[in-house]
């Protein structure tokens, strides 16, 4: 199985103190991605799970403003991932 890594830096506007770094798709047939991000310049230990079919994050953040930022960014990130999986530029493949 190959893991697809899609670079999100500079492609999704920053919201609140969040910056989206990359999305990883571990199985191209599964509609999920793991999104790495920073919060105030610090990268949390775990990424956020993104449902690519529903254009929504499965995880929530405790801060209301940041959680709203996730809801706003989710469709944009899902579209970027979908285009990358179809072969449009912006994705790299890594052995998984």
C-alpha atoms as a PDB file:
ATOM      1  CA  UNK A   1       0.000   0.000   0.000  1.00  0.00           C
ATOM      2  CA  UNK A   2       1.203   3.505  -0.782  1.00  0.00           C
ATOM      3  CA  UNK A   3       0.622   6.517   1.384  1.00  0.00           C
ATOM      4  CA  UNK A   4      -0.182   9.689  -0.508  1.00  0.00           C
ATOM      5  CA  UNK A   5       0.993  12.908   1.105  1.00  0.00           C
ATOM      6  CA  UNK A   6      -0.549  16.142  -0.101  1.00  0.00           C
ATOM      7  CA  UNK A   7       1.191  19.383   0.829  1.00  0.00           C
ATOM      8  CA  UNK A   8      -1.264  21.959   2.184  1.00  0.00           C
ATOM      9  CA  UNK A   9       1.185  24.720   3.073  1.00  0.00           C
ATOM     10  CA  UNK A  10       0.108  27.957   1.455  1.00  0.00           C
ATOM     11  CA  UNK A  11      -2.933  26.326  -0.178  1.00  0.00           C
ATOM     12  CA  UNK A  12      -5.417  26.779   2.661  1.00  0.00           C
ATOM     13  CA  UNK A  13      -5.666  30.168   4.342  1.00  0.00           C
ATOM     14  CA  UNK A  14      -4.771  30.149   8.019  1.00  0.00           C
ATOM     15  CA  UNK A  15      -7.700  30.353  10.378  1.00  0.00           C
ATOM     16  CA  UNK A  16      -7.500  31.468  14.006  1.00  0.00           C
ATOM     17  CA  UNK A  17      -3.995  30.310  14.952  1.00  0.00           C
ATOM     18  CA  UNK A  18      -4.207  27.157  12.808  1.00  0.00           C
ATOM     19  CA  UNK A  19      -2.012  26.403   9.820  1.00  0.00           C
ATOM     20  CA  UNK A  20      -2.603  23.262   7.768  1.00  0.00           C
ATOM     21  CA  UNK A  21       0.597  21.439   6.800  1.00  0.00           C
ATOM     22  CA  UNK A  22      -0.269  18.235   4.942  1.00  0.00           C
ATOM     23  CA  UNK A  23      -2.892  15.570   4.404  1.00  0.00           C
ATOM     24  CA  UNK A  24      -2.038  11.876   4.288  1.00  0.00           C
ATOM     25  CA  UNK A  25      -4.224   9.304   2.595  1.00  0.00           C
ATOM     26  CA  UNK A  26      -3.254   5.789   3.604  1.00  0.00           C
ATOM     27  CA  UNK A  27      -5.710   3.942   1.349  1.00  0.00           C
ATOM     28  CA  UNK A  28      -6.931   5.646  -1.827  1.00  0.00           C
ATOM     29  CA  UNK A  29     -10.162   3.616  -1.646  1.00  0.00           C
ATOM     30  CA  UNK A  30     -10.996   4.861   1.861  1.00  0.00           C
ATOM     31  CA  UNK A  31     -12.622   8.284   2.080  1.00  0.00           C
ATOM     32  CA  UNK A  32     -10.421   9.566   4.897  1.00  0.00           C
ATOM     33  CA  UNK A  33      -7.286  11.659   5.293  1.00  0.00           C
ATOM     34  CA  UNK A  34      -5.159  12.542   8.292  1.00  0.00           C
ATOM     35  CA  UNK A  35      -4.425  16.277   8.347  1.00  0.00           C
ATOM     36  CA  UNK A  36      -1.316  17.596  10.080  1.00  0.00           C
ATOM     37  CA  UNK A  37      -1.509  21.150  11.364  1.00  0.00           C
ATOM     38  CA  UNK A  38       0.088  23.621  13.721  1.00  0.00           C
ATOM     39  CA  UNK A  39      -1.683  25.606  16.397  1.00  0.00           C
ATOM     40  CA  UNK A  40       0.122  28.809  17.284  1.00  0.00           C
ATOM     41  CA  UNK A  41       3.271  27.438  15.664  1.00  0.00           C
ATOM     42  CA  UNK A  42       3.192  24.177  17.633  1.00  0.00           C
ATOM     43  CA  UNK A  43       2.307  20.869  16.056  1.00  0.00           C
ATOM     44  CA  UNK A  44      -0.047  18.750  18.184  1.00  0.00           C
ATOM     45  CA  UNK A  45       0.867  15.114  18.726  1.00  0.00           C
ATOM     46  CA  UNK A  46      -2.060  13.862  16.655  1.00  0.00           C
ATOM     47  CA  UNK A  47      -3.478  15.021  13.347  1.00  0.00           C
ATOM     48  CA  UNK A  48      -7.134  15.537  12.523  1.00  0.00           C
ATOM     49  CA  UNK A  49      -9.233  12.967  10.683  1.00  0.00           C
ATOM     50  CA  UNK A  50     -10.991  14.356   7.610  1.00  0.00           C
ATOM     51  CA  UNK A  51     -13.943  12.594   5.967  1.00  0.00           C
ATOM     52  CA  UNK A  52     -13.379  13.260   2.262  1.00  0.00           C
ATOM     53  CA  UNK A  53     -16.928  12.252   1.296  1.00  0.00           C
ATOM     54  CA  UNK A  54     -18.634  14.520   3.823  1.00  0.00           C
ATOM     55  CA  UNK A  55     -16.084  17.360   3.544  1.00  0.00           C
ATOM     56  CA  UNK A  56     -15.927  17.478   7.343  1.00  0.00           C
ATOM     57  CA  UNK A  57     -13.429  16.847  10.111  1.00  0.00           C
ATOM     58  CA  UNK A  58     -14.347  13.991  12.404  1.00  0.00           C
ATOM     59  CA  UNK A  59     -12.364  15.550  15.241  1.00  0.00           C
ATOM     60  CA  UNK A  60     -13.225  18.687  17.160  1.00  0.00           C
ATOM     61  CA  UNK A  61     -11.125  21.270  18.969  1.00  0.00           C
ATOM     62  CA  UNK A  62     -12.043  22.648  22.399  1.00  0.00           C
ATOM     63  CA  UNK A  63     -11.764  26.287  21.293  1.00  0.00           C
ATOM     64  CA  UNK A  64     -14.963  27.459  19.547  1.00  0.00           C
ATOM     65  CA  UNK A  65     -13.147  29.788  17.123  1.00  0.00           C
ATOM     66  CA  UNK A  66     -10.656  27.077  16.131  1.00  0.00           C
ATOM     67  CA  UNK A  67     -13.404  24.498  15.758  1.00  0.00           C
ATOM     68  CA  UNK A  68     -15.258  26.885  13.435  1.00  0.00           C
ATOM     69  CA  UNK A  69     -12.021  27.293  11.483  1.00  0.00           C
ATOM     70  CA  UNK A  70     -11.949  23.519  10.974  1.00  0.00           C
ATOM     71  CA  UNK A  71     -15.500  23.541   9.607  1.00  0.00           C
ATOM     72  CA  UNK A  72     -14.547  26.346   7.222  1.00  0.00           C
ATOM     73  CA  UNK A  73     -11.312  24.720   6.038  1.00  0.00           C
ATOM     74  CA  UNK A  74     -12.611  21.146   5.656  1.00  0.00           C
ATOM     75  CA  UNK A  75     -14.247  21.542   2.207  1.00  0.00           C
ATOM     76  CA  UNK A  76     -11.195  23.360   0.840  1.00  0.00           C
ATOM     77  CA  UNK A  77      -8.821  20.679   2.099  1.00  0.00           C
ATOM     78  CA  UNK A  78     -11.062  17.866   0.823  1.00  0.00           C
ATOM     79  CA  UNK A  79     -11.078  19.439  -2.665  1.00  0.00           C
ATOM     80  CA  UNK A  80      -7.284  19.789  -2.662  1.00  0.00           C
ATOM     81  CA  UNK A  81      -6.910  16.145  -1.640  1.00  0.00           C
ATOM     82  CA  UNK A  82      -9.413  14.971  -4.267  1.00  0.00           C
ATOM     83  CA  UNK A  83      -7.580  16.834  -7.036  1.00  0.00           C
ATOM     84  CA  UNK A  84      -4.242  15.461  -5.871  1.00  0.00           C
ATOM     85  CA  UNK A  85      -5.549  11.891  -5.823  1.00  0.00           C
ATOM     86  CA  UNK A  86      -6.758  12.351  -9.400  1.00  0.00           C
ATOM     87  CA  UNK A  87      -3.223  13.203 -10.429  1.00  0.00           C
ATOM     88  CA  UNK A  88      -3.292  16.979 -10.338  1.00  0.00           C
ATOM     89  CA  UNK A  89      -0.093  18.588  -9.046  1.00  0.00           C
ATOM     90  CA  UNK A  90       0.546  19.083  -5.352  1.00  0.00           C
ATOM     91  CA  UNK A  91       0.824  15.488  -4.182  1.00  0.00           C
ATOM     92  CA  UNK A  92       3.728  13.228  -3.531  1.00  0.00           C
ATOM     93  CA  UNK A  93       3.689   9.479  -3.044  1.00  0.00           C
ATOM     94  CA  UNK A  94       5.618   7.812  -0.265  1.00  0.00           C
ATOM     95  CA  UNK A  95       6.069   4.155   0.482  1.00  0.00           C
ATOM     96  CA  UNK A  96       3.807   3.118   3.323  1.00  0.00           C
END
